[in-house]
Amino acid sequence: MQNAQSVFLKTVEELLLDGEIDRAIEVLLEFEEQSQIGIRSDIIQQAGNYRRAKKMFNDGLVEARDFKIDAARASNALSEILKDIPKRIELNQRIKGLSTFALDVPSDDHLEKIIGGKSSILRINWLEKALKASKAVCRVVCANGELGTGFLTKEGYVFTNNHVIATKEIAATARIEFNYEVDSSGNTKNRISYDLDALDFAFSPKEQLDFAKIKVRDRADQPLSQWGYVEFDPEAIPGVGEAVTIIQHPKGEDKQIALNANEVLGQLKQHLYYTTDTEPGSSGSPVFNKDWKVVAIHHAGKTKADGGFVVNAQGDVREANRGILFREIFSFLQTGKTSATSGNSGKTESFQPATETPIANPVTETKPVATPTPPPVSKVPKFVVLYDLADDAQCKMLNKHLNVLKITKKIRVYNVQEVAIGLDPIANAEKELQDADYLIVLITVNLLNSPDWFGMAYAALEANRRIIPIRIGTVDIEGTGFEKLRSLPTGNRAVADFPSQDAAYTDVVGELRKLVFA
């Protein structure tokens, strides 16, 4: 039996690796019919998602790039189901081996109780309100591969995070998708897409209020009004222990809701902290109070391993998710002091390296201390890419995306590991750094464990050089000094957070391009 199980798992795994998703689904369904281990609904859901995406691609309704992303997502989901099969088989065998259970039935006087001192019983129309609110929640899809969540207002605007849609240029090529959800049969509904009017764009950067508000272009054939709109109550902020609910597109997947373990932990300045679950792709989701009124926009989270957040004025540190209060966002918009209207006619800010003077926080009104400005940038700026030899593949991928700028002589690039045989790479790198305009540092555990390369990067940081950190994967940089710098890719993400390395480096080079042509 064990050997047959291993052969089955290996067969499905090979089908997925070969891209034969339909065949893998058939084999999984056949196995479920024979074993009855309870994975049918999960398989049906992923099959519905994949086959709907495939049909839309065959009908010419979606691009090949989008279909590849959907196919990869379905393959990953099926792989997760596959990993869970041995555990389910073992559990089923245990259950079949049990005989009878002895259950103690409580006496009548203990049957009805409110547990925990607070009732969680709700009227059934609470679910109707949830479904109504959910219609106005949409998936945000950017041309650079960025995925997020947004929600529609009564005036026909969509709110999402600024780290999802950072600039007018990104807004101009982005789209929002409504109805990307699964029906009661596990089939994905028809997605309806809308373009955005980048000329009507307001925002606050990630370090401040992290929102983007963009006008949606209506369609005569699919009126925007059919999705309704969310309702706001910016002053009805839930207290500690109360629940907040988030409707979202986690990982860019079909619309989902976080209902359990969703209590508020605290509030501090513009932030609301809560335990409600989210994932990458949930950025920009509406945070609802118990009356289905939006009180905040979700934008970040930290686990214990990340160091957590300070969640209240008492300084308590907890692992939590975090939203920006609309009380502050609306106040920010009404004053006319948003970045979109404060003397630059809506011009959005591009990525700036570490040495640029930071922007004051509009909420706290504090004014940061300016840092010295390094020498002017050369006419053809020189970038030195500093990285550990173990990360050579990442450097090659970055350079592949930089090639157009290099060939057209818009930039010069020196990679510290690419030296002639016999030359000392450390000495050569120090020499090249002398006239470098920008230092790109590929942040990995390999670099941080290299006394030579990390030492060189740290020395440049202390010397106030223009530094652009690129986060490759999950690595603890607390205490290195680099945690204080704005990094790429955008949105405080790592290259590993993207569906593909091409998508990640497209984002990186897009920001570098804006830097060069600013």
Protein backbone atom coordinates (compact mmCIF):
# COMPACT_ATOMS: atom_id res chain seq x y z
CA MET A 1 0.00 0.00 0.00
CA GLN A 2 2.78 2.38 1.00
CA ASN A 3 4.64 1.70 -2.26
CA ALA A 4 1.50 2.27 -4.36
CA GLN A 5 0.93 5.54 -2.56
CA SER A 6 4.50 6.68 -3.31
CA VAL A 7 4.11 5.79 -7.00
CA PHE A 8 0.84 7.74 -7.17
CA LEU A 9 2.30 10.84 -5.51
CA LYS A 10 5.36 10.74 -7.80
CA THR A 11 3.14 10.36 -10.89
CA VAL A 12 1.04 13.43 -10.06
CA GLU A 13 4.15 15.39 -9.14
CA GLU A 14 5.73 14.62 -12.53
CA LEU A 15 2.53 15.60 -14.34
CA LEU A 16 2.57 18.99 -12.59
CA LEU A 17 6.25 19.50 -13.37
CA ASP A 18 5.50 18.77 -17.03
CA GLY A 19 2.67 21.31 -17.03
CA GLU A 20 -0.02 18.66 -17.57
CA ILE A 21 -2.40 20.20 -15.06
CA ASP A 22 -5.61 18.76 -16.57
CA ARG A 23 -4.22 15.23 -16.43
CA ALA A 24 -3.00 15.75 -12.85
CA ILE A 25 -6.52 16.89 -11.86
CA GLU A 26 -8.05 13.77 -13.45
CA VAL A 27 -5.65 11.48 -11.58
CA LEU A 28 -6.29 13.25 -8.28
CA LEU A 29 -10.07 13.02 -8.70
CA GLU A 30 -9.81 9.32 -9.58
CA PHE A 31 -7.69 8.72 -6.48
CA GLU A 32 -10.17 10.62 -4.28
CA GLU A 33 -13.05 8.53 -5.64
CA GLN A 34 -11.24 5.37 -4.59
CA SER A 35 -9.80 6.56 -1.28
CA GLN A 36 -12.51 9.01 -0.05
CA ILE A 37 -9.99 11.02 1.99
CA GLY A 38 -11.85 14.33 1.62
CA ILE A 39 -9.88 16.32 -0.97
CA ARG A 40 -12.55 16.47 -3.69
CA SER A 41 -13.79 20.00 -2.94
CA ASP A 42 -10.21 21.35 -2.88
CA ILE A 43 -9.45 19.70 -6.23
CA ILE A 44 -12.72 20.94 -7.76
CA GLN A 45 -11.96 24.50 -6.67
CA GLN A 46 -8.49 24.51 -8.24
CA ALA A 47 -9.78 22.72 -11.35
CA GLY A 48 -12.48 25.37 -11.75
CA ASN A 49 -9.95 28.18 -11.38
CA TYR A 50 -7.54 26.65 -13.89
CA ARG A 51 -10.09 25.62 -16.51
CA ARG A 52 -11.82 29.00 -16.38
CA ALA A 53 -8.48 30.73 -16.88
CA LYS A 54 -7.62 28.33 -19.72
CA LYS A 55 -10.96 28.97 -21.46
CA MET A 56 -10.53 32.74 -21.17
CA PHE A 57 -7.02 32.40 -22.64
CA ASN A 58 -8.27 30.21 -25.52
CA ASP A 59 -11.04 32.76 -26.16
CA GLY A 60 -8.47 35.55 -26.31
CA LEU A 61 -9.84 37.28 -23.20
CA VAL A 62 -6.59 37.19 -21.23
CA GLU A 63 -2.95 37.51 -22.23
CA ALA A 64 -0.50 34.60 -22.20
CA ARG A 65 1.39 36.18 -19.31
CA ASP A 66 -1.72 36.27 -17.11
CA PHE A 67 -2.63 32.69 -18.05
CA LYS A 68 0.86 31.49 -17.13
CA ILE A 69 0.48 33.12 -13.71
CA ASP A 70 -2.93 31.45 -13.22
CA ALA A 71 -1.52 28.08 -14.35
CA ALA A 72 1.44 28.36 -11.99
CA ARG A 73 -0.89 29.27 -9.13
CA ALA A 74 -3.10 26.24 -9.85
CA SER A 75 -0.05 23.95 -10.08
CA ASN A 76 1.25 25.23 -6.73
CA ALA A 77 -2.16 24.75 -5.08
CA LEU A 78 -2.39 21.18 -6.39
CA SER A 79 1.13 20.49 -5.12
CA GLU A 80 0.01 21.62 -1.65
CA ILE A 81 -2.97 19.24 -1.85
CA LEU A 82 -0.56 16.50 -2.88
CA LYS A 83 1.65 17.11 0.17
CA ASP A 84 -1.37 16.76 2.45
CA ILE A 85 -2.48 13.34 1.08
CA PRO A 86 -0.25 11.07 3.26
CA LYS A 87 -1.48 12.82 6.39
CA ARG A 88 -5.12 12.45 5.33
CA ILE A 89 -4.64 8.76 4.50
CA GLU A 90 -3.11 8.11 7.92
CA LEU A 91 -5.93 10.01 9.65
CA ASN A 92 -8.59 8.04 7.75
CA GLN A 93 -6.94 4.76 8.73
CA ARG A 94 -6.96 5.80 12.39
CA ILE A 95 -10.63 6.73 12.26
CA LYS A 96 -11.56 3.42 10.60
CA GLY A 97 -9.69 1.60 13.36
CA LEU A 98 -11.80 3.17 16.10
CA SER A 99 -14.87 1.38 17.39
CA THR A 100 -17.30 3.42 19.45
CA PHE A 101 -17.03 6.65 21.34
CA ALA A 102 -18.41 7.34 24.81
CA LEU A 103 -19.79 10.85 24.93
CA ASP A 104 -20.86 12.65 28.10
CA VAL A 105 -24.06 14.60 27.52
CA PRO A 106 -24.28 17.68 29.75
CA SER A 107 -27.34 18.27 31.88
CA ASP A 108 -29.94 20.73 30.59
CA ASP A 109 -28.91 23.54 32.90
CA HIS A 110 -25.51 23.81 31.17
CA LEU A 111 -26.62 23.73 27.52
CA GLU A 112 -26.86 27.48 26.80
CA LYS A 113 -24.09 29.84 27.81
CA ILE A 114 -22.31 32.94 26.47
CA ILE A 115 -18.62 32.02 26.57
CA GLY A 116 -16.03 34.67 27.35
CA GLY A 117 -18.46 37.31 28.58
CA LYS A 118 -19.23 38.67 25.06
CA SER A 119 -21.80 37.25 22.67
CA SER A 120 -20.67 36.31 19.16
CA ILE A 121 -24.23 35.62 17.98
CA LEU A 122 -25.19 37.78 14.99
CA ARG A 123 -28.36 38.30 12.98
CA ILE A 124 -28.38 36.38 9.72
CA ASN A 125 -28.60 39.61 7.72
CA TRP A 126 -25.00 40.21 8.80
CA LEU A 127 -24.08 37.69 6.09
CA GLU A 128 -26.20 39.53 3.52
CA LYS A 129 -24.37 42.75 4.36
CA ALA A 130 -21.07 40.89 4.00
CA LEU A 131 -21.96 39.69 0.50
CA LYS A 132 -23.09 43.18 -0.49
CA ALA A 133 -19.83 44.71 0.75
CA SER A 134 -17.76 41.99 -0.93
CA LYS A 135 -19.06 42.91 -4.40
CA ALA A 136 -17.20 46.23 -4.24
CA VAL A 137 -13.87 44.54 -3.46
CA CYS A 138 -11.65 43.95 -6.49
CA ARG A 139 -8.30 42.50 -7.49
CA VAL A 140 -5.63 44.98 -8.62
CA VAL A 141 -3.38 43.79 -11.46
CA CYS A 142 -0.35 45.86 -12.52
CA ALA A 143 1.56 45.42 -15.76
CA ASN A 144 4.77 44.73 -13.80
CA GLY A 145 3.25 41.65 -12.15
CA GLU A 146 2.24 43.38 -8.91
CA LEU A 147 -1.02 42.03 -7.47
CA GLY A 148 -3.10 43.58 -4.74
CA THR A 149 -6.62 44.27 -3.53
CA GLY A 150 -8.77 47.38 -3.88
CA PHE A 151 -12.30 48.56 -3.19
CA LEU A 152 -14.77 50.85 -4.92
CA THR A 153 -16.24 54.08 -3.55
CA LYS A 154 -19.62 55.66 -4.27
CA GLU A 155 -17.93 58.29 -6.46
CA GLY A 156 -16.32 55.68 -8.73
CA TYR A 157 -12.83 55.70 -7.26
CA VAL A 158 -10.79 52.69 -6.20
CA PHE A 159 -8.66 52.72 -3.06
CA THR A 160 -5.58 50.50 -2.74
CA ASN A 161 -2.11 50.85 -1.22
CA ASN A 162 0.43 53.21 -2.69
CA HIS A 163 2.95 50.37 -2.55
CA VAL A 164 0.64 48.48 -4.94
CA ILE A 165 0.08 51.41 -7.34
CA ALA A 166 2.90 53.83 -6.63
CA THR A 167 2.74 56.22 -9.60
CA LYS A 168 0.56 57.59 -12.37
CA GLU A 169 2.62 55.58 -14.84
CA ILE A 170 1.77 52.34 -13.06
CA ALA A 171 -1.89 53.36 -12.75
CA ALA A 172 -2.07 54.02 -16.50
CA THR A 173 -1.27 50.39 -17.33
CA ALA A 174 -2.97 48.72 -14.35
CA ARG A 175 -6.46 47.25 -14.25
CA ILE A 176 -8.93 46.20 -11.59
CA GLU A 177 -10.99 43.01 -11.74
CA PHE A 178 -14.37 42.45 -10.12
CA ASN A 179 -16.16 39.14 -9.62
CA TYR A 180 -12.92 37.13 -9.43
CA GLU A 181 -14.39 34.64 -6.97
CA VAL A 182 -15.57 31.03 -6.74
CA ASP A 183 -19.26 30.07 -6.80
CA SER A 184 -20.93 27.42 -4.62
CA SER A 185 -19.94 24.70 -7.10
CA GLY A 186 -16.26 25.60 -6.97
CA ASN A 187 -16.20 27.28 -10.38
CA THR A 188 -14.58 30.64 -10.94
CA LYS A 189 -16.99 33.36 -12.05
CA ASN A 190 -16.43 35.62 -15.06
CA ARG A 191 -13.97 38.40 -14.24
CA ILE A 192 -14.89 41.93 -15.34
CA SER A 193 -11.94 44.30 -15.87
CA TYR A 194 -11.75 48.10 -15.80
CA ASP A 195 -8.96 50.52 -16.67
CA LEU A 196 -7.94 53.44 -14.46
CA ASP A 197 -7.79 57.16 -15.18
CA ALA A 198 -4.23 57.99 -14.15
CA LEU A 199 -4.92 61.73 -14.49
CA ASP A 200 -7.23 61.54 -11.46
CA PHE A 201 -4.72 60.10 -8.98
CA ALA A 202 -4.09 60.98 -5.33
CA PHE A 203 -1.75 59.20 -2.98
CA SER A 204 0.37 59.21 0.15
CA PRO A 205 3.65 57.23 0.22
CA LYS A 206 4.10 53.94 2.06
CA GLU A 207 6.03 55.59 4.89
CA GLN A 208 3.11 57.92 5.55
CA LEU A 209 -0.49 56.82 4.87
CA ASP A 210 0.21 54.29 2.06
CA PHE A 211 -2.89 54.79 -0.04
CA ALA A 212 -3.66 55.44 -3.70
CA LYS A 213 -7.04 56.77 -4.81
CA ILE A 214 -7.65 56.51 -8.57
CA LYS A 215 -10.68 57.17 -10.74
CA VAL A 216 -12.03 54.08 -12.49
CA ARG A 217 -12.97 54.28 -16.18
CA ASP A 218 -16.59 53.14 -16.47
CA ARG A 219 -17.80 50.78 -19.22
CA ALA A 220 -21.07 51.10 -21.11
CA ASP A 221 -21.32 47.32 -21.52
CA GLN A 222 -20.48 46.57 -17.87
CA PRO A 223 -21.55 49.56 -15.74
CA LEU A 224 -19.48 50.10 -12.65
CA SER A 225 -22.65 50.60 -10.62
CA GLN A 226 -23.37 46.84 -10.66
CA TRP A 227 -20.66 46.32 -8.01
CA GLY A 228 -22.09 48.79 -5.54
CA TYR A 229 -19.62 50.50 -3.22
CA VAL A 230 -18.22 50.24 0.29
CA GLU A 231 -19.53 52.49 3.06
CA PHE A 232 -17.12 54.33 5.35
CA ASP A 233 -17.45 55.22 9.02
CA PRO A 234 -14.01 56.60 9.86
CA GLU A 235 -14.91 57.44 13.46
CA ALA A 236 -16.41 54.02 14.31
CA ILE A 237 -13.04 52.47 15.11
CA PRO A 238 -13.34 49.11 16.93
CA GLY A 239 -11.77 48.93 20.38
CA VAL A 240 -9.29 46.38 21.70
CA GLY A 241 -10.84 42.91 21.63
CA GLU A 242 -13.48 43.82 19.04
CA ALA A 243 -13.50 42.17 15.63
CA VAL A 244 -12.44 43.54 12.26
CA THR A 245 -13.06 41.59 9.05
CA ILE A 246 -11.00 41.77 5.85
CA ILE A 247 -12.24 40.79 2.39
CA GLN A 248 -9.22 40.28 0.17
CA HIS A 249 -7.45 38.61 -2.75
CA PRO A 250 -4.64 36.80 -0.88
CA LYS A 251 -1.72 35.91 -3.18
CA GLY A 252 -3.80 37.44 -6.00
CA GLU A 253 -6.17 34.47 -5.84
CA ASP A 254 -9.97 34.46 -5.92
CA LYS A 255 -11.78 36.65 -3.38
CA GLN A 256 -11.65 35.38 0.21
CA ILE A 257 -12.61 36.52 3.70
CA ALA A 258 -10.85 36.32 7.07
CA LEU A 259 -13.50 35.68 9.74
CA ASN A 260 -11.72 33.91 12.60
CA ALA A 261 -9.21 35.17 15.18
CA ASN A 262 -9.73 38.73 14.00
CA GLU A 263 -9.59 40.90 17.09
CA VAL A 264 -8.17 44.40 17.42
CA LEU A 265 -4.93 44.55 19.42
CA GLY A 266 -4.50 48.30 19.63
CA GLN A 267 -4.36 51.65 17.91
CA LEU A 268 -1.43 54.05 17.70
CA LYS A 269 -1.42 57.30 15.71
CA GLN A 270 -2.64 56.53 12.15
CA HIS A 271 -2.42 52.75 12.60
CA LEU A 272 -4.88 50.06 13.68
CA TYR A 273 -3.42 46.69 14.72
CA TYR A 274 -5.30 43.39 14.52
CA THR A 275 -4.90 39.61 14.31
CA THR A 276 -7.02 39.18 11.17
CA ASP A 277 -5.15 36.96 8.69
CA THR A 278 -3.79 38.34 5.40
CA GLU A 279 -1.21 37.26 2.82
CA PRO A 280 0.80 38.93 0.03
CA GLY A 281 -1.80 40.21 -2.42
CA SER A 282 -4.05 41.37 0.44
CA SER A 283 -2.41 44.81 0.40
CA GLY A 284 -5.04 47.48 -0.15
CA SER A 285 -7.93 45.46 1.32
CA PRO A 286 -10.73 47.19 3.22
CA VAL A 287 -10.82 46.64 6.99
CA PHE A 288 -14.47 46.44 8.10
CA ASN A 289 -15.94 46.93 11.55
CA LYS A 290 -18.83 44.72 12.79
CA ASP A 291 -21.37 46.88 10.89
CA TRP A 292 -19.54 46.38 7.57
CA LYS A 293 -18.29 49.95 7.47
CA VAL A 294 -14.72 50.53 6.30
CA VAL A 295 -12.51 52.00 9.01
CA ALA A 296 -9.01 51.32 7.62
CA ILE A 297 -7.01 50.08 4.64
CA HIS A 298 -4.77 47.08 5.26
CA HIS A 299 -1.12 47.54 4.31
CA ALA A 300 1.41 45.59 6.40
CA GLY A 301 2.08 42.81 8.90
CA LYS A 302 4.87 41.51 11.13
CA THR A 303 5.32 38.17 12.88
CA LYS A 304 7.33 37.57 16.05
CA ALA A 305 10.27 36.62 13.85
CA ASP A 306 10.01 40.04 12.17
CA GLY A 307 10.08 41.80 15.54
CA GLY A 308 6.36 42.59 15.70
CA PHE A 309 4.76 46.05 16.00
CA VAL A 310 4.37 48.45 18.89
CA VAL A 311 0.55 48.34 19.05
CA ASN A 312 -0.30 51.01 21.62
CA ALA A 313 0.96 54.03 23.52
CA GLN A 314 2.09 51.77 26.37
CA GLY A 315 4.73 50.26 24.06
CA ASP A 316 3.36 46.70 23.94
CA VAL A 317 4.93 44.72 21.10
CA ARG A 318 2.82 42.09 19.35
CA GLU A 319 2.89 40.17 16.10
CA ALA A 320 0.07 41.76 14.14
CA ASN A 321 -1.33 42.97 10.87
CA ARG A 322 -1.72 46.70 10.43
CA GLY A 323 -4.07 49.08 8.67
CA ILE A 324 -4.13 52.84 8.06
CA LEU A 325 -7.16 54.56 9.59
CA PHE A 326 -9.47 56.34 7.16
CA ARG A 327 -10.00 59.00 9.80
CA GLU A 328 -6.44 60.09 9.01
CA ILE A 329 -6.67 59.46 5.24
CA PHE A 330 -9.80 61.60 4.82
CA SER A 331 -8.32 64.36 6.96
CA PHE A 332 -5.18 64.19 4.83
CA LEU A 333 -7.19 64.47 1.59
CA GLN A 334 -9.41 67.30 2.81
CA THR A 335 -6.50 69.53 3.82
CA GLY A 336 -5.17 69.55 0.24
CA LYS A 337 -1.74 68.55 1.54
CA THR A 338 -1.48 65.23 -0.25
CA SER A 339 1.54 64.58 -2.46
CA ALA A 340 -0.85 64.81 -5.41
CA THR A 341 -1.73 68.45 -4.77
CA SER A 342 1.08 70.05 -2.76
CA GLY A 343 2.71 72.22 -5.37
CA ASN A 344 3.64 69.55 -7.91
CA SER A 345 0.33 69.19 -9.77
CA GLY A 346 -0.02 65.54 -8.90
CA LYS A 347 3.49 64.54 -9.96
CA THR A 348 4.39 61.30 -8.19
CA GLU A 349 7.73 60.68 -6.55
CA SER A 350 10.13 58.11 -7.99
CA PHE A 351 12.44 55.92 -5.93
CA GLN A 352 15.20 57.89 -4.26
CA PRO A 353 18.38 56.36 -2.86
CA ALA A 354 19.31 56.41 0.79
CA THR A 355 21.00 59.81 0.89
CA GLU A 356 17.99 61.86 -0.19
CA THR A 357 16.30 63.94 2.53
CA PRO A 358 13.22 62.05 3.84
CA ILE A 359 9.72 63.50 3.58
CA ALA A 360 8.07 64.75 6.78
CA ASN A 361 5.23 62.61 8.15
CA PRO A 362 1.99 64.52 7.44
CA VAL A 363 0.29 62.96 10.44
CA THR A 364 2.86 63.73 13.12
CA GLU A 365 3.93 66.99 11.44
CA THR A 366 7.53 66.30 12.53
CA LYS A 367 10.34 67.61 10.39
CA PRO A 368 13.24 65.19 9.72
CA VAL A 369 16.86 66.20 9.94
CA ALA A 370 18.37 66.70 6.48
CA THR A 371 21.39 64.60 5.54
CA PRO A 372 24.37 65.87 3.53
CA THR A 373 24.01 65.61 -0.23
CA PRO A 374 26.74 63.71 -2.13
CA PRO A 375 28.34 65.07 -5.35
CA PRO A 376 26.12 65.57 -8.43
CA VAL A 377 25.30 62.50 -10.49
CA SER A 378 27.34 61.98 -13.67
CA LYS A 379 25.78 62.61 -17.08
CA VAL A 380 25.88 58.84 -17.66
CA PRO A 381 25.48 57.55 -14.10
CA LYS A 382 27.67 54.71 -12.92
CA PHE A 383 26.15 51.86 -10.90
CA VAL A 384 28.34 49.46 -8.94
CA VAL A 385 26.55 46.21 -8.10
CA LEU A 386 27.89 44.79 -4.84
CA TYR A 387 27.04 41.16 -4.08
CA ASP A 388 28.46 37.88 -2.82
CA LEU A 389 29.73 35.39 -5.39
CA ALA A 390 27.11 32.86 -4.22
CA ASP A 391 24.44 35.25 -5.56
CA ASP A 392 25.94 35.50 -9.03
CA ALA A 393 22.72 34.18 -10.64
CA GLN A 394 20.75 37.08 -9.15
CA CYS A 395 23.27 39.60 -10.45
CA LYS A 396 23.05 38.07 -13.93
CA MET A 397 19.25 38.36 -13.84
CA LEU A 398 19.48 42.03 -12.80
CA ASN A 399 21.96 42.76 -15.58
CA LYS A 400 19.77 41.03 -18.15
CA HIS A 401 17.02 43.53 -17.34
CA LEU A 402 19.51 46.43 -17.32
CA ASN A 403 20.90 45.56 -20.75
CA VAL A 404 18.75 47.99 -22.72
CA LEU A 405 19.90 50.90 -20.53
CA LYS A 406 23.53 49.74 -20.84
CA ILE A 407 23.42 49.24 -24.63
CA THR A 408 21.81 52.65 -25.19
CA LYS A 409 24.51 54.14 -22.92
CA LYS A 410 22.04 55.57 -20.43
CA ILE A 411 23.97 53.96 -17.56
CA ARG A 412 27.30 52.31 -16.80
CA VAL A 413 27.43 49.16 -14.66
CA TYR A 414 30.29 47.48 -12.82
CA ASN A 415 29.68 44.11 -11.12
CA VAL A 416 32.17 43.53 -8.30
CA GLN A 417 32.63 39.81 -8.98
CA GLU A 418 33.40 40.20 -12.70
CA VAL A 419 37.15 40.76 -12.61
CA ALA A 420 39.94 39.42 -14.78
CA ILE A 421 41.76 36.33 -13.55
CA GLY A 422 44.58 37.26 -11.21
CA LEU A 423 43.06 40.55 -10.03
CA ASP A 424 41.85 41.06 -6.46
CA PRO A 425 38.05 41.60 -6.62
CA ILE A 426 38.03 43.51 -3.31
CA ALA A 427 40.74 45.98 -4.34
CA ASN A 428 39.17 46.38 -7.78
CA ALA A 429 35.74 47.03 -6.29
CA GLU A 430 37.10 49.69 -3.93
CA LYS A 431 38.74 51.39 -6.92
CA GLU A 432 35.51 51.31 -8.97
CA LEU A 433 33.51 52.67 -6.04
CA GLN A 434 35.53 55.87 -5.99
CA ASP A 435 33.68 57.40 -8.96
CA ALA A 436 30.40 55.45 -8.62
CA ASP A 437 27.17 57.46 -8.56
CA TYR A 438 25.08 54.66 -7.07
CA LEU A 439 25.84 51.49 -5.16
CA ILE A 440 23.37 48.65 -5.67
CA VAL A 441 23.61 46.09 -2.86
CA LEU A 442 22.01 42.65 -3.28
CA ILE A 443 20.85 41.90 0.26
CA THR A 444 21.11 38.18 1.04
CA VAL A 445 22.30 36.05 3.95
CA ASN A 446 25.43 35.34 1.87
CA LEU A 447 26.32 39.04 1.72
CA LEU A 448 25.64 39.60 5.43
CA ASN A 449 27.95 36.70 6.29
CA SER A 450 30.78 38.01 4.14
CA PRO A 451 33.15 40.27 6.15
CA ASP A 452 34.62 41.68 2.93
CA TRP A 453 31.48 42.50 0.96
CA PHE A 454 29.22 43.43 3.85
CA GLY A 455 32.09 45.46 5.32
CA MET A 456 32.41 47.37 2.04
CA ALA A 457 28.64 48.01 1.89
CA TYR A 458 28.57 49.15 5.52
CA ALA A 459 31.51 51.50 4.94
CA ALA A 460 29.64 53.05 1.99
CA LEU A 461 26.58 53.46 4.21
CA GLU A 462 28.62 55.26 6.86
CA ALA A 463 30.22 57.43 4.15
CA ASN A 464 26.72 58.58 3.08
CA ARG A 465 26.97 57.14 -0.44
CA ARG A 466 23.87 56.76 -2.63
CA ILE A 467 22.83 53.19 -1.82
CA ILE A 468 20.03 51.15 -3.39
CA PRO A 469 19.42 47.91 -1.49
CA ILE A 470 17.70 45.10 -3.42
CA ARG A 471 16.13 42.52 -1.12
CA ILE A 472 16.48 39.07 -2.69
CA GLY A 473 14.79 36.92 -0.04
CA THR A 474 13.75 36.83 3.59
CA VAL A 475 16.72 37.89 5.72
CA ASP A 476 17.01 39.69 9.06
CA ILE A 477 18.75 43.04 8.49
CA GLU A 478 17.84 44.59 11.84
CA GLY A 479 20.85 46.41 13.27
CA THR A 480 22.79 46.51 9.99
CA GLY A 481 21.74 50.05 9.11
CA PHE A 482 20.11 48.84 5.90
CA GLU A 483 16.76 48.42 7.63
CA LYS A 484 16.53 52.24 7.66
CA LEU A 485 16.86 52.54 3.88
CA ARG A 486 14.13 52.36 1.29
CA SER A 487 14.72 49.19 -0.72
CA LEU A 488 13.67 47.63 -3.99
CA PRO A 489 11.55 45.96 -5.26
CA THR A 490 8.82 48.46 -4.39
CA GLY A 491 6.36 47.93 -1.57
CA ASN A 492 9.01 46.65 0.87
CA ARG A 493 8.96 43.30 -0.93
CA ALA A 494 11.72 40.87 -1.81
CA VAL A 495 12.47 39.38 -5.23
CA ALA A 496 11.23 36.07 -3.82
CA ASP A 497 7.78 37.59 -3.16
CA PHE A 498 7.05 37.94 -6.90
CA PRO A 499 5.48 35.24 -9.09
CA SER A 500 8.68 35.22 -11.16
CA GLN A 501 12.15 36.76 -11.08
CA ASP A 502 11.40 38.55 -14.35
CA ALA A 503 8.45 40.31 -12.70
CA ALA A 504 10.59 41.28 -9.72
CA TYR A 505 13.47 42.70 -11.77
CA THR A 506 11.07 44.48 -14.11
CA ASP A 507 9.82 46.31 -11.01
CA VAL A 508 13.40 47.06 -9.89
CA VAL A 509 14.58 48.34 -13.26
CA GLY A 510 11.40 50.38 -13.69
CA GLU A 511 12.34 52.33 -10.56
CA LEU A 512 15.97 52.65 -11.65
CA ARG A 513 14.81 53.93 -15.04
CA LYS A 514 12.76 56.66 -13.34
CA LEU A 515 15.81 57.54 -11.27
CA VAL A 516 18.00 57.88 -14.36
CA PHE A 517 15.48 59.92 -16.36
CA ALA A 518 14.22 62.08 -13.49
